[in-house]
C-alpha atoms as a PDB file:
ATOM      1  CA  MET A   1       3.990 -62.851 177.802  1.00  0.00           C
ATOM      2  CA  ASP A   2       5.140 -61.332 181.283  1.00  0.00           C
ATOM      3  CA  ARG A   3       2.940 -59.767 183.811  1.00  0.00           C
ATOM      4  CA  ILE A   4       3.633 -55.934 184.100  1.00  0.00           C
ATOM      5  CA  SER A   5       4.962 -55.089 187.749  1.00  0.00           C
ATOM      6  CA  THR A   6       5.709 -51.517 189.035  1.00  0.00           C
ATOM      7  CA  SER A   7       5.396 -49.742 192.176  1.00  0.00           C
ATOM      8  CA  PRO A   8       2.536 -50.759 194.553  1.00  0.00           C
ATOM      9  CA  HIS A   9       0.257 -48.202 193.080  1.00  0.00           C
ATOM     10  CA  GLY A  10       1.347 -48.833 189.713  1.00  0.00           C
ATOM     11  CA  ARG A  11       0.890 -52.430 190.164  1.00  0.00           C
ATOM     12  CA  ASP A  12      -2.677 -51.862 191.357  1.00  0.00           C
ATOM     13  CA  LEU A  13      -3.488 -49.813 188.180  1.00  0.00           C
ATOM     14  CA  ARG A  14      -1.919 -52.732 186.014  1.00  0.00           C
ATOM     15  CA  LYS A  15      -3.773 -55.774 187.488  1.00  0.00           C
ATOM     16  CA  GLY A  16      -4.655 -58.006 184.722  1.00  0.00           C
ATOM     17  CA  ARG A  17      -2.454 -56.429 181.999  1.00  0.00           C
ATOM     18  CA  TRP A  18       0.192 -57.939 180.151  1.00  0.00           C
ATOM     19  CA  SER A  19       2.920 -57.146 178.327  1.00  0.00           C
ATOM     20  CA  LEU A  20       2.602 -58.441 174.630  1.00  0.00           C
ATOM     21  CA  SER A  21       5.273 -59.011 172.119  1.00  0.00           C
ATOM     22  CA  GLY A  22       4.607 -56.809 168.950  1.00  0.00           C
ATOM     23  CA  GLN A  23       2.272 -54.575 170.657  1.00  0.00           C
ATOM     24  CA  VAL A  24       2.421 -50.852 170.399  1.00  0.00           C
ATOM     25  CA  TYR A  25       2.331 -48.897 173.469  1.00  0.00           C
ATOM     26  CA  LEU A  26       1.853 -45.191 174.552  1.00  0.00           C
ATOM     27  CA  LEU A  27       3.985 -44.616 177.639  1.00  0.00           C
ATOM     28  CA  THR A  28       4.180 -41.278 179.681  1.00  0.00           C
ATOM     29  CA  VAL A  29       6.905 -41.038 182.352  1.00  0.00           C
ATOM     30  CA  VAL A  30       6.938 -37.925 184.704  1.00  0.00           C
ATOM     31  CA  THR A  31       9.577 -36.246 186.598  1.00  0.00           C
ATOM     32  CA  VAL A  32       9.719 -36.137 190.117  1.00  0.00           C
ATOM     33  CA  ASP A  33       7.334 -33.340 191.358  1.00  0.00           C
ATOM     34  CA  ARG A  34       6.981 -32.366 187.790  1.00  0.00           C
ATOM     35  CA  ALA A  35      10.219 -30.515 187.834  1.00  0.00           C
ATOM     36  CA  PRO A  36      11.231 -29.144 184.654  1.00  0.00           C
ATOM     37  CA  ARG A  37      14.485 -31.415 184.475  1.00  0.00           C
ATOM     38  CA  PHE A  38      14.674 -31.467 180.778  1.00  0.00           C
ATOM     39  CA  ALA A  39      14.383 -27.935 180.060  1.00  0.00           C
ATOM     40  CA  GLU A  40      18.259 -27.541 179.448  1.00  0.00           C
ATOM     41  CA  TRP A  41      19.410 -28.749 176.206  1.00  0.00           C
ATOM     42  CA  THR A  42      22.075 -30.815 177.290  1.00  0.00           C
ATOM     43  CA  VAL A  43      19.897 -32.762 179.902  1.00  0.00           C
ATOM     44  CA  ALA A  44      16.984 -33.200 177.416  1.00  0.00           C
ATOM     45  CA  ARG A  45      19.737 -34.648 174.906  1.00  0.00           C
ATOM     46  CA  GLN A  46      20.665 -37.409 177.762  1.00  0.00           C
ATOM     47  CA  ALA A  47      16.861 -38.232 177.777  1.00  0.00           C
ATOM     48  CA  VAL A  48      16.698 -38.393 173.924  1.00  0.00           C
ATOM     49  CA  ARG A  49      19.823 -40.730 173.674  1.00  0.00           C
ATOM     50  CA  ALA A  50      18.474 -43.088 176.237  1.00  0.00           C
ATOM     51  CA  PHE A  51      15.818 -44.263 174.010  1.00  0.00           C
ATOM     52  CA  HIS A  52      18.346 -45.801 171.554  1.00  0.00           C
ATOM     53  CA  SER A  53      20.683 -47.204 174.174  1.00  0.00           C
ATOM     54  CA  PRO A  54      21.203 -51.086 173.766  1.00  0.00           C
ATOM     55  CA  PRO A  55      19.498 -51.953 176.886  1.00  0.00           C
ATOM     56  CA  VAL A  56      16.181 -50.125 176.081  1.00  0.00           C
ATOM     57  CA  ALA A  57      16.388 -51.211 172.337  1.00  0.00           C
ATOM     58  CA  ALA A  58      16.673 -54.662 173.225  1.00  0.00           C
ATOM     59  CA  GLN A  59      13.255 -54.358 175.182  1.00  0.00           C
ATOM     60  CA  VAL A  60      11.339 -52.212 172.609  1.00  0.00           C
ATOM     61  CA  THR A  61      11.335 -50.536 168.987  1.00  0.00           C
ATOM     62  CA  THR A  62      11.053 -46.838 169.634  1.00  0.00           C
ATOM     63  CA  LEU A  63       8.681 -45.475 167.130  1.00  0.00           C
ATOM     64  CA  ALA A  64       8.180 -41.792 168.336  1.00  0.00           C
ATOM     65  CA  PHE A  65       8.798 -39.835 171.393  1.00  0.00           C
ATOM     66  CA  VAL A  66       8.848 -36.164 172.725  1.00  0.00           C
ATOM     67  CA  VAL A  67      11.041 -35.146 175.742  1.00  0.00           C
ATOM     68  CA  MET A  68       9.170 -32.290 177.290  1.00  0.00           C
ATOM     69  CA  PRO A  69      10.562 -30.129 180.237  1.00  0.00           C
ATOM     70  CA  ASP A  70       8.817 -32.401 182.771  1.00  0.00           C
ATOM     71  CA  HIS A  71       7.805 -35.624 181.261  1.00  0.00           C
ATOM     72  CA  VAL A  72       8.224 -37.564 178.229  1.00  0.00           C
ATOM     73  CA  HIS A  73       5.807 -39.334 175.899  1.00  0.00           C
ATOM     74  CA  TRP A  74       7.173 -42.474 174.047  1.00  0.00           C
ATOM     75  CA  LEU A  75       5.453 -44.801 171.331  1.00  0.00           C
ATOM     76  CA  ALA A  76       7.101 -48.190 171.451  1.00  0.00           C
ATOM     77  CA  GLN A  77       6.485 -51.423 170.002  1.00  0.00           C
ATOM     78  CA  LEU A  78       7.412 -54.386 172.272  1.00  0.00           C
ATOM     79  CA  ASN A  79      10.155 -56.703 170.938  1.00  0.00           C
ATOM     80  CA  HIS A  80       9.932 -60.575 171.504  1.00  0.00           C
ATOM     81  CA  GLY A  81      11.051 -61.332 175.161  1.00  0.00           C
ATOM     82  CA  GLY A  82      10.599 -57.780 176.208  1.00  0.00           C
ATOM     83  CA  THR A  83       8.181 -56.365 178.846  1.00  0.00           C
ATOM     84  CA  VAL A  84       6.742 -52.989 179.269  1.00  0.00           C
ATOM     85  CA  SER A  85       8.067 -52.433 182.796  1.00  0.00           C
ATOM     86  CA  GLU A  86      11.492 -53.391 181.969  1.00  0.00           C
ATOM     87  CA  ALA A  87      11.732 -50.995 179.024  1.00  0.00           C
ATOM     88  CA  VAL A  88      10.686 -48.026 181.127  1.00  0.00           C
ATOM     89  CA  ARG A  89      12.746 -49.290 184.068  1.00  0.00           C
ATOM     90  CA  LEU A  90      15.681 -49.239 181.776  1.00  0.00           C
ATOM     91  CA  TYR A  91      15.080 -46.041 180.279  1.00  0.00           C
ATOM     92  CA  LYS A  92      14.291 -44.363 183.589  1.00  0.00           C
ATOM     93  CA  ALA A  93      17.585 -45.775 184.814  1.00  0.00           C
ATOM     94  CA  THR A  94      19.668 -44.995 181.689  1.00  0.00           C
ATOM     95  CA  VAL A  95      18.718 -41.329 182.251  1.00  0.00           C
ATOM     96  CA  SER A  96      19.029 -41.239 185.965  1.00  0.00           C
ATOM     97  CA  VAL A  97      22.758 -42.461 185.484  1.00  0.00           C
ATOM     98  CA  ALA A  98      23.563 -40.035 182.867  1.00  0.00           C
ATOM     99  CA  LEU A  99      22.130 -37.218 185.114  1.00  0.00           C
ATOM    100  CA  GLY A 100      23.813 -38.295 188.254  1.00  0.00           C
ATOM    101  CA  GLY A 101      20.605 -39.005 190.167  1.00  0.00           C
ATOM    102  CA  GLY A 102      16.949 -39.912 190.053  1.00  0.00           C
ATOM    103  CA  ALA A 103      14.898 -38.038 188.090  1.00  0.00           C
ATOM    104  CA  TRP A 104      11.531 -39.729 188.008  1.00  0.00           C
ATOM    105  CA  GLN A 105       8.577 -40.243 189.590  1.00  0.00           C
ATOM    106  CA  ARG A 106       7.586 -43.837 190.421  1.00  0.00           C
ATOM    107  CA  GLY A 107       5.644 -45.776 187.954  1.00  0.00           C
ATOM    108  CA  PHE A 108       4.380 -44.593 184.670  1.00  0.00           C
ATOM    109  CA  HIS A 109       1.238 -44.500 182.415  1.00  0.00           C
ATOM    110  CA  ASP A 110       0.733 -47.084 179.533  1.00  0.00           C
ATOM    111  CA  ARG A 111      -1.929 -47.698 177.151  1.00  0.00           C
ATOM    112  CA  ALA A 112      -1.948 -50.438 174.529  1.00  0.00           C
ATOM    113  CA  LEU A 113      -2.999 -49.302 171.124  1.00  0.00           C
ATOM    114  CA  ARG A 114      -5.766 -51.210 169.645  1.00  0.00           C
ATOM    115  CA  ARG A 115      -5.841 -52.794 166.283  1.00  0.00           C
ATOM    116  CA  GLN A 116      -7.769 -49.773 164.799  1.00  0.00           C
ATOM    117  CA  ASP A 117      -5.701 -47.146 166.301  1.00  0.00           C
ATOM    118  CA  ASP A 118      -3.794 -45.155 163.615  1.00  0.00           C
ATOM    119  CA  VAL A 119      -0.211 -45.675 164.988  1.00  0.00           C
ATOM    120  CA  ARG A 120       0.744 -42.452 163.051  1.00  0.00           C
ATOM    121  CA  ALA A 121      -1.867 -40.034 164.254  1.00  0.00           C
ATOM    122  CA  VAL A 122      -0.843 -41.095 167.752  1.00  0.00           C
ATOM    123  CA  ALA A 123       2.688 -40.357 166.842  1.00  0.00           C
ATOM    124  CA  ARG A 124       1.876 -36.974 165.536  1.00  0.00           C
ATOM    125  CA  TYR A 125      -0.429 -36.233 168.639  1.00  0.00           C
ATOM    126  CA  ILE A 126       2.874 -37.051 170.475  1.00  0.00           C
ATOM    127  CA  VAL A 127       5.301 -34.863 168.467  1.00  0.00           C
ATOM    128  CA  ALA A 128       2.731 -32.024 168.593  1.00  0.00           C
ATOM    129  CA  ASN A 129       2.923 -31.786 172.483  1.00  0.00           C
ATOM    130  CA  PRO A 130       5.163 -28.879 172.588  1.00  0.00           C
ATOM    131  CA  LEU A 131       2.847 -27.028 170.054  1.00  0.00           C
ATOM    132  CA  ARG A 132       0.127 -27.473 172.461  1.00  0.00           C
ATOM    133  CA  ALA A 133       2.269 -26.491 175.626  1.00  0.00           C
ATOM    134  CA  GLY A 134       3.148 -23.190 173.873  1.00  0.00           C
ATOM    135  CA  LEU A 135       6.960 -24.231 173.823  1.00  0.00           C
ATOM    136  CA  VAL A 136       7.264 -23.170 170.027  1.00  0.00           C
ATOM    137  CA  ARG A 137       5.101 -22.212 167.166  1.00  0.00           C
ATOM    138  CA  ASP A 138       6.556 -24.826 164.726  1.00  0.00           C
ATOM    139  CA  ILE A 139       7.377 -28.305 165.598  1.00  0.00           C
ATOM    140  CA  GLY A 140      10.552 -27.884 163.327  1.00  0.00           C
ATOM    141  CA  ASP A 141      11.510 -25.449 166.398  1.00  0.00           C
ATOM    142  CA  TYR A 142      11.687 -28.025 168.972  1.00  0.00           C
ATOM    143  CA  PRO A 143      14.749 -30.338 168.872  1.00  0.00           C
ATOM    144  CA  HIS A 144      13.590 -33.303 171.427  1.00  0.00           C
ATOM    145  CA  TRP A 145      11.461 -35.520 169.376  1.00  0.00           C
ATOM    146  CA  ASP A 146      11.571 -38.115 166.669  1.00  0.00           C
ATOM    147  CA  ALA A 147       9.330 -40.603 164.728  1.00  0.00           C
ATOM    148  CA  VAL A 148      10.563 -43.491 162.358  1.00  0.00           C
ATOM    149  CA  TRP A 149       8.319 -42.089 159.692  1.00  0.00           C
ATOM    150  CA  LEU A 150      10.494 -39.204 158.928  1.00  0.00           C
END
């Protein structure tokens, strides 16, 4: 187990938290000033591809995600030896390099799912984000999401 560390503010939020191998986490990462960086198709696809990059995949198994115009929701299971902070750092870095510059606010929000949480229900909640935001009327019309259960 490795202790999670992020920016000074994020570190305060994570005091006493640990990265646990096999644990499923719901992660949220936000763009700088909530700018809609991922509203453009090609930019959003860079963010989608980054979930499957080898450095990120070495840290976590991505179960579900949605790339919204100004943030990302990510359901990930921590691999042996991986840490939540490193997975998010690598994801953010991969996207930033692909875009030619930083896109992200410092830190991230994370929640470890409990044993009694329904992982598929959390995944459905994540991928339904574009519906709740009014971006589409049918989730099939929104291209920037995926879940392993399809």
